[in-house]
Amino acid sequence: MAHKKSNAEARVERLTWGLLVLIFAVLYVMTDSAASQIPNWVVPFSGAIILLGSGLYQYSRRWRVSPVTWIAGALMLIFAVLSFYVLEGRSFIVETLIATMVVIVAGTFTGET
């Protein structure tokens, strides 16, 4: 049985979700020419920083952090490294969006992220 989250814990998780959604909201409102200026690795790296940073913050407060958070953050970091070093022309925006959706959906159904 899951423990009852404190208000602070729930607030951090909502902030994490909001920041993840903000990445794609910014991309959506940008013009095509401005969006094309962003390197391919920036979106997955931003998602990785948000998820792993949130996970570390929650862990430092001794709150439970879902494995989904760690896995999605690590995947996004791998996408960023691949995009930066190996597949320079490859955009991992779709994969990052899917990982973001998995984090939010899993957190909604399990009550933890």
N, C-alpha and C. Protein backbone atom coordinates (compact mmCIF):
# COMPACT_ATOMS: atom_id res chain seq x y z
N MET A 1 0.84 -1.18 0.00
CA MET A 1 0.00 0.00 0.00
C MET A 1 0.89 1.24 0.00
N ALA A 2 0.59 2.17 -0.87
CA ALA A 2 1.39 3.38 -0.99
C ALA A 2 1.17 4.29 0.22
N HIS A 3 2.24 4.98 0.58
CA HIS A 3 2.10 5.90 1.70
C HIS A 3 1.48 7.20 1.23
N LYS A 4 0.91 7.91 2.16
CA LYS A 4 0.30 9.21 1.84
C LYS A 4 1.40 10.24 1.65
N LYS A 5 1.37 10.91 0.52
CA LYS A 5 2.38 11.92 0.22
C LYS A 5 2.11 13.20 0.99
N SER A 6 3.18 13.85 1.36
CA SER A 6 3.04 15.17 1.96
C SER A 6 2.72 16.17 0.86
N ASN A 7 2.26 17.32 1.26
CA ASN A 7 1.96 18.37 0.28
C ASN A 7 3.22 18.78 -0.47
N ALA A 8 4.34 18.84 0.23
CA ALA A 8 5.60 19.24 -0.40
C ALA A 8 6.02 18.22 -1.45
N GLU A 9 5.87 16.95 -1.13
CA GLU A 9 6.24 15.89 -2.06
C GLU A 9 5.37 15.95 -3.31
N ALA A 10 4.08 16.11 -3.12
CA ALA A 10 3.16 16.20 -4.27
C ALA A 10 3.44 17.45 -5.10
N ARG A 11 3.81 18.55 -4.44
CA ARG A 11 4.11 19.79 -5.14
C ARG A 11 5.35 19.62 -6.03
N VAL A 12 6.37 18.95 -5.52
CA VAL A 12 7.58 18.72 -6.31
C VAL A 12 7.26 17.86 -7.54
N GLU A 13 6.44 16.86 -7.36
CA GLU A 13 6.08 16.02 -8.50
C GLU A 13 5.27 16.79 -9.53
N ARG A 14 4.35 17.62 -9.09
CA ARG A 14 3.58 18.44 -10.05
C ARG A 14 4.49 19.43 -10.76
N LEU A 15 5.45 19.99 -10.05
CA LEU A 15 6.40 20.91 -10.67
C LEU A 15 7.24 20.17 -11.72
N THR A 16 7.66 18.97 -11.40
CA THR A 16 8.43 18.16 -12.35
C THR A 16 7.62 17.92 -13.61
N TRP A 17 6.39 17.49 -13.45
CA TRP A 17 5.52 17.25 -14.61
C TRP A 17 5.32 18.53 -15.42
N GLY A 18 5.10 19.63 -14.71
CA GLY A 18 4.90 20.92 -15.39
C GLY A 18 6.11 21.34 -16.20
N LEU A 19 7.31 21.14 -15.64
CA LEU A 19 8.52 21.50 -16.37
C LEU A 19 8.72 20.61 -17.60
N LEU A 20 8.38 19.34 -17.47
CA LEU A 20 8.47 18.45 -18.63
C LEU A 20 7.52 18.88 -19.74
N VAL A 21 6.31 19.23 -19.38
CA VAL A 21 5.33 19.69 -20.36
C VAL A 21 5.77 21.03 -20.96
N LEU A 22 6.39 21.87 -20.14
CA LEU A 22 6.85 23.17 -20.60
C LEU A 22 7.86 23.06 -21.74
N ILE A 23 8.69 22.05 -21.71
CA ILE A 23 9.66 21.84 -22.80
C ILE A 23 8.93 21.77 -24.14
N PHE A 24 7.87 20.97 -24.18
CA PHE A 24 7.15 20.78 -25.43
C PHE A 24 6.23 21.96 -25.75
N ALA A 25 5.76 22.64 -24.73
CA ALA A 25 4.96 23.85 -24.97
C ALA A 25 5.81 24.93 -25.62
N VAL A 26 7.03 25.08 -25.17
CA VAL A 26 7.94 26.06 -25.76
C VAL A 26 8.24 25.70 -27.20
N LEU A 27 8.49 24.42 -27.46
CA LEU A 27 8.72 23.99 -28.84
C LEU A 27 7.51 24.25 -29.72
N TYR A 28 6.33 24.06 -29.16
CA TYR A 28 5.10 24.25 -29.94
C TYR A 28 4.90 25.70 -30.34
N VAL A 29 5.19 26.64 -29.46
CA VAL A 29 4.94 28.05 -29.76
C VAL A 29 6.07 28.71 -30.53
N MET A 30 7.22 28.03 -30.62
CA MET A 30 8.33 28.60 -31.37
C MET A 30 8.04 28.53 -32.86
N THR A 31 8.57 29.48 -33.58
CA THR A 31 8.47 29.43 -35.03
C THR A 31 9.36 28.31 -35.55
N ASP A 32 9.09 27.84 -36.74
CA ASP A 32 9.89 26.76 -37.31
C ASP A 32 11.35 27.15 -37.44
N SER A 33 11.61 28.41 -37.82
CA SER A 33 13.00 28.83 -37.99
C SER A 33 13.72 28.88 -36.65
N ALA A 34 13.03 29.31 -35.61
CA ALA A 34 13.65 29.36 -34.27
C ALA A 34 13.86 27.95 -33.73
N ALA A 35 12.90 27.07 -33.93
CA ALA A 35 13.01 25.70 -33.44
C ALA A 35 14.13 24.95 -34.16
N SER A 36 14.37 25.28 -35.42
CA SER A 36 15.42 24.60 -36.17
C SER A 36 16.81 25.01 -35.70
N GLN A 37 16.91 26.11 -34.97
CA GLN A 37 18.19 26.57 -34.45
C GLN A 37 18.62 25.83 -33.19
N ILE A 38 17.67 25.12 -32.56
CA ILE A 38 17.97 24.39 -31.33
C ILE A 38 18.65 23.08 -31.70
N PRO A 39 19.81 22.80 -31.11
CA PRO A 39 20.47 21.52 -31.40
C PRO A 39 19.59 20.34 -30.98
N ASN A 40 19.73 19.23 -31.69
CA ASN A 40 18.88 18.06 -31.45
C ASN A 40 18.99 17.51 -30.03
N TRP A 41 20.12 17.66 -29.38
CA TRP A 41 20.33 17.07 -28.06
C TRP A 41 19.69 17.87 -26.93
N VAL A 42 19.27 19.10 -27.18
CA VAL A 42 18.79 19.98 -26.10
C VAL A 42 17.49 19.47 -25.47
N VAL A 43 16.55 19.01 -26.26
CA VAL A 43 15.26 18.57 -25.70
C VAL A 43 15.43 17.34 -24.81
N PRO A 44 16.08 16.26 -25.27
CA PRO A 44 16.24 15.13 -24.36
C PRO A 44 17.13 15.46 -23.16
N PHE A 45 18.11 16.32 -23.34
CA PHE A 45 18.98 16.69 -22.22
C PHE A 45 18.19 17.48 -21.19
N SER A 46 17.32 18.37 -21.64
CA SER A 46 16.48 19.14 -20.72
C SER A 46 15.57 18.22 -19.91
N GLY A 47 14.96 17.25 -20.59
CA GLY A 47 14.11 16.29 -19.90
C GLY A 47 14.89 15.47 -18.89
N ALA A 48 16.11 15.06 -19.27
CA ALA A 48 16.95 14.27 -18.36
C ALA A 48 17.32 15.08 -17.13
N ILE A 49 17.68 16.33 -17.32
CA ILE A 49 18.06 17.19 -16.19
C ILE A 49 16.86 17.36 -15.25
N ILE A 50 15.69 17.59 -15.82
CA ILE A 50 14.49 17.76 -14.99
C ILE A 50 14.19 16.50 -14.20
N LEU A 51 14.15 15.35 -14.87
CA LEU A 51 13.80 14.10 -14.18
C LEU A 51 14.87 13.67 -13.18
N LEU A 52 16.12 13.67 -13.60
CA LEU A 52 17.17 13.22 -12.69
C LEU A 52 17.37 14.22 -11.55
N GLY A 53 17.23 15.50 -11.85
CA GLY A 53 17.33 16.50 -10.79
C GLY A 53 16.20 16.37 -9.79
N SER A 54 14.99 16.15 -10.28
CA SER A 54 13.85 15.94 -9.40
C SER A 54 14.02 14.68 -8.58
N GLY A 55 14.50 13.61 -9.22
CA GLY A 55 14.73 12.36 -8.51
C GLY A 55 15.76 12.52 -7.40
N LEU A 56 16.85 13.21 -7.70
CA LEU A 56 17.88 13.44 -6.68
C LEU A 56 17.36 14.31 -5.55
N TYR A 57 16.59 15.33 -5.89
CA TYR A 57 16.02 16.20 -4.85
C TYR A 57 15.09 15.41 -3.94
N GLN A 58 14.21 14.62 -4.55
CA GLN A 58 13.27 13.83 -3.75
C GLN A 58 14.01 12.78 -2.92
N TYR A 59 15.02 12.16 -3.50
CA TYR A 59 15.80 11.15 -2.79
C TYR A 59 16.54 11.78 -1.60
N SER A 60 17.05 13.00 -1.80
CA SER A 60 17.76 13.67 -0.71
C SER A 60 16.84 14.01 0.45
N ARG A 61 15.56 14.12 0.18
CA ARG A 61 14.57 14.39 1.23
C ARG A 61 13.99 13.08 1.79
N ARG A 62 14.53 11.96 1.33
CA ARG A 62 14.10 10.62 1.75
C ARG A 62 12.65 10.32 1.34
N TRP A 63 12.24 10.91 0.21
CA TRP A 63 10.95 10.59 -0.36
C TRP A 63 11.14 9.45 -1.34
N ARG A 64 10.10 8.72 -1.56
CA ARG A 64 10.17 7.62 -2.53
C ARG A 64 10.18 8.19 -3.94
N VAL A 65 11.08 7.66 -4.76
CA VAL A 65 11.18 8.06 -6.16
C VAL A 65 10.93 6.81 -7.00
N SER A 66 9.97 6.89 -7.88
CA SER A 66 9.60 5.76 -8.73
C SER A 66 10.76 5.37 -9.65
N PRO A 67 10.92 4.09 -9.88
CA PRO A 67 11.92 3.65 -10.87
C PRO A 67 11.65 4.23 -12.26
N VAL A 68 10.40 4.52 -12.56
CA VAL A 68 10.05 5.10 -13.86
C VAL A 68 10.77 6.44 -14.04
N THR A 69 10.88 7.21 -12.98
CA THR A 69 11.58 8.50 -13.05
C THR A 69 13.04 8.30 -13.40
N TRP A 70 13.69 7.38 -12.70
CA TRP A 70 15.11 7.12 -12.95
C TRP A 70 15.33 6.56 -14.36
N ILE A 71 14.49 5.64 -14.77
CA ILE A 71 14.65 5.01 -16.08
C ILE A 71 14.41 6.01 -17.20
N ALA A 72 13.34 6.78 -17.10
CA ALA A 72 13.05 7.77 -18.14
C ALA A 72 14.13 8.85 -18.19
N GLY A 73 14.60 9.28 -17.04
CA GLY A 73 15.68 10.28 -17.01
C GLY A 73 16.95 9.73 -17.64
N ALA A 74 17.28 8.48 -17.33
CA ALA A 74 18.48 7.86 -17.92
C ALA A 74 18.32 7.68 -19.43
N LEU A 75 17.12 7.28 -19.86
CA LEU A 75 16.88 7.14 -21.31
C LEU A 75 17.04 8.47 -22.03
N MET A 76 16.49 9.52 -21.43
CA MET A 76 16.61 10.84 -22.06
C MET A 76 18.07 11.28 -22.10
N LEU A 77 18.83 10.96 -21.07
CA LEU A 77 20.26 11.29 -21.09
C LEU A 77 20.98 10.51 -22.18
N ILE A 78 20.62 9.25 -22.34
CA ILE A 78 21.20 8.44 -23.42
C ILE A 78 20.83 9.02 -24.78
N PHE A 79 19.56 9.44 -24.95
CA PHE A 79 19.15 10.07 -26.20
C PHE A 79 19.98 11.32 -26.48
N ALA A 80 20.21 12.13 -25.44
CA ALA A 80 20.98 13.36 -25.62
C ALA A 80 22.42 13.06 -26.02
N VAL A 81 23.03 12.08 -25.36
CA VAL A 81 24.41 11.71 -25.69
C VAL A 81 24.50 11.15 -27.10
N LEU A 82 23.55 10.29 -27.45
CA LEU A 82 23.53 9.75 -28.82
C LEU A 82 23.38 10.86 -29.85
N SER A 83 22.49 11.79 -29.57
CA SER A 83 22.24 12.89 -30.49
C SER A 83 23.45 13.82 -30.59
N PHE A 84 24.18 13.98 -29.51
CA PHE A 84 25.33 14.89 -29.49
C PHE A 84 26.56 14.25 -30.12
N TYR A 85 26.83 12.99 -29.80
CA TYR A 85 28.07 12.36 -30.22
C TYR A 85 27.94 11.39 -31.40
N VAL A 86 26.89 10.59 -31.44
CA VAL A 86 26.84 9.49 -32.38
C VAL A 86 25.96 9.80 -33.59
N LEU A 87 24.73 10.18 -33.33
CA LEU A 87 23.76 10.43 -34.41
C LEU A 87 23.42 11.92 -34.45
N GLU A 88 24.37 12.71 -34.90
CA GLU A 88 24.24 14.16 -34.81
C GLU A 88 23.02 14.72 -35.55
N GLY A 89 22.58 14.09 -36.59
CA GLY A 89 21.43 14.57 -37.34
C GLY A 89 20.11 14.03 -36.83
N ARG A 90 20.15 13.16 -35.83
CA ARG A 90 18.95 12.46 -35.33
C ARG A 90 18.32 13.24 -34.20
N SER A 91 17.04 13.50 -34.34
CA SER A 91 16.27 14.17 -33.29
C SER A 91 15.53 13.11 -32.47
N PHE A 92 15.62 13.20 -31.17
CA PHE A 92 14.94 12.27 -30.28
C PHE A 92 13.75 12.94 -29.60
N ILE A 93 13.13 13.88 -30.27
CA ILE A 93 12.01 14.61 -29.67
C ILE A 93 10.82 13.68 -29.45
N VAL A 94 10.52 12.83 -30.40
CA VAL A 94 9.38 11.92 -30.25
C VAL A 94 9.61 10.95 -29.10
N GLU A 95 10.80 10.39 -29.02
CA GLU A 95 11.12 9.47 -27.93
C GLU A 95 11.06 10.17 -26.57
N THR A 96 11.53 11.41 -26.53
CA THR A 96 11.49 12.18 -25.30
C THR A 96 10.04 12.48 -24.91
N LEU A 97 9.21 12.79 -25.88
CA LEU A 97 7.79 13.02 -25.60
C LEU A 97 7.13 11.75 -25.06
N ILE A 98 7.44 10.61 -25.65
CA ILE A 98 6.88 9.34 -25.18
C ILE A 98 7.33 9.06 -23.75
N ALA A 99 8.61 9.26 -23.47
CA ALA A 99 9.12 9.04 -22.11
C ALA A 99 8.44 9.99 -21.12
N THR A 100 8.21 11.23 -21.53
CA THR A 100 7.51 12.19 -20.67
C THR A 100 6.09 11.72 -20.39
N MET A 101 5.41 11.25 -21.42
CA MET A 101 4.04 10.75 -21.22
C MET A 101 4.02 9.54 -20.31
N VAL A 102 5.00 8.66 -20.44
CA VAL A 102 5.07 7.47 -19.59
C VAL A 102 5.25 7.88 -18.14
N VAL A 103 6.11 8.85 -17.88
CA VAL A 103 6.34 9.32 -16.51
C VAL A 103 5.06 9.88 -15.92
N ILE A 104 4.37 10.71 -16.66
CA ILE A 104 3.15 11.35 -16.15
C ILE A 104 2.03 10.33 -15.97
N VAL A 105 1.84 9.45 -16.95
CA VAL A 105 0.78 8.44 -16.84
C VAL A 105 1.08 7.46 -15.71
N ALA A 106 2.33 7.00 -15.62
CA ALA A 106 2.69 6.08 -14.54
C ALA A 106 2.52 6.75 -13.18
N GLY A 107 2.89 8.01 -13.08
CA GLY A 107 2.73 8.73 -11.82
C GLY A 107 1.28 8.93 -11.46
N THR A 108 0.45 9.14 -12.46
CA THR A 108 -0.97 9.32 -12.20
C THR A 108 -1.62 8.02 -11.71
N PHE A 109 -1.27 6.90 -12.33
CA PHE A 109 -1.88 5.63 -11.95
C PHE A 109 -1.30 5.02 -10.68
N THR A 110 0.01 5.20 -10.45
CA THR A 110 0.62 4.60 -9.28
C THR A 110 0.66 5.53 -8.07
N GLY A 111 0.51 6.82 -8.33
CA GLY A 111 0.55 7.77 -7.24
C GLY A 111 1.96 8.18 -6.85
N GLU A 112 2.93 7.79 -7.63
CA GLU A 112 4.31 8.18 -7.35
C GLU A 112 5.06 8.39 -8.64
N THR A 113 6.02 9.29 -8.58
CA THR A 113 6.87 9.53 -9.74
C THR A 113 8.27 9.84 -9.29
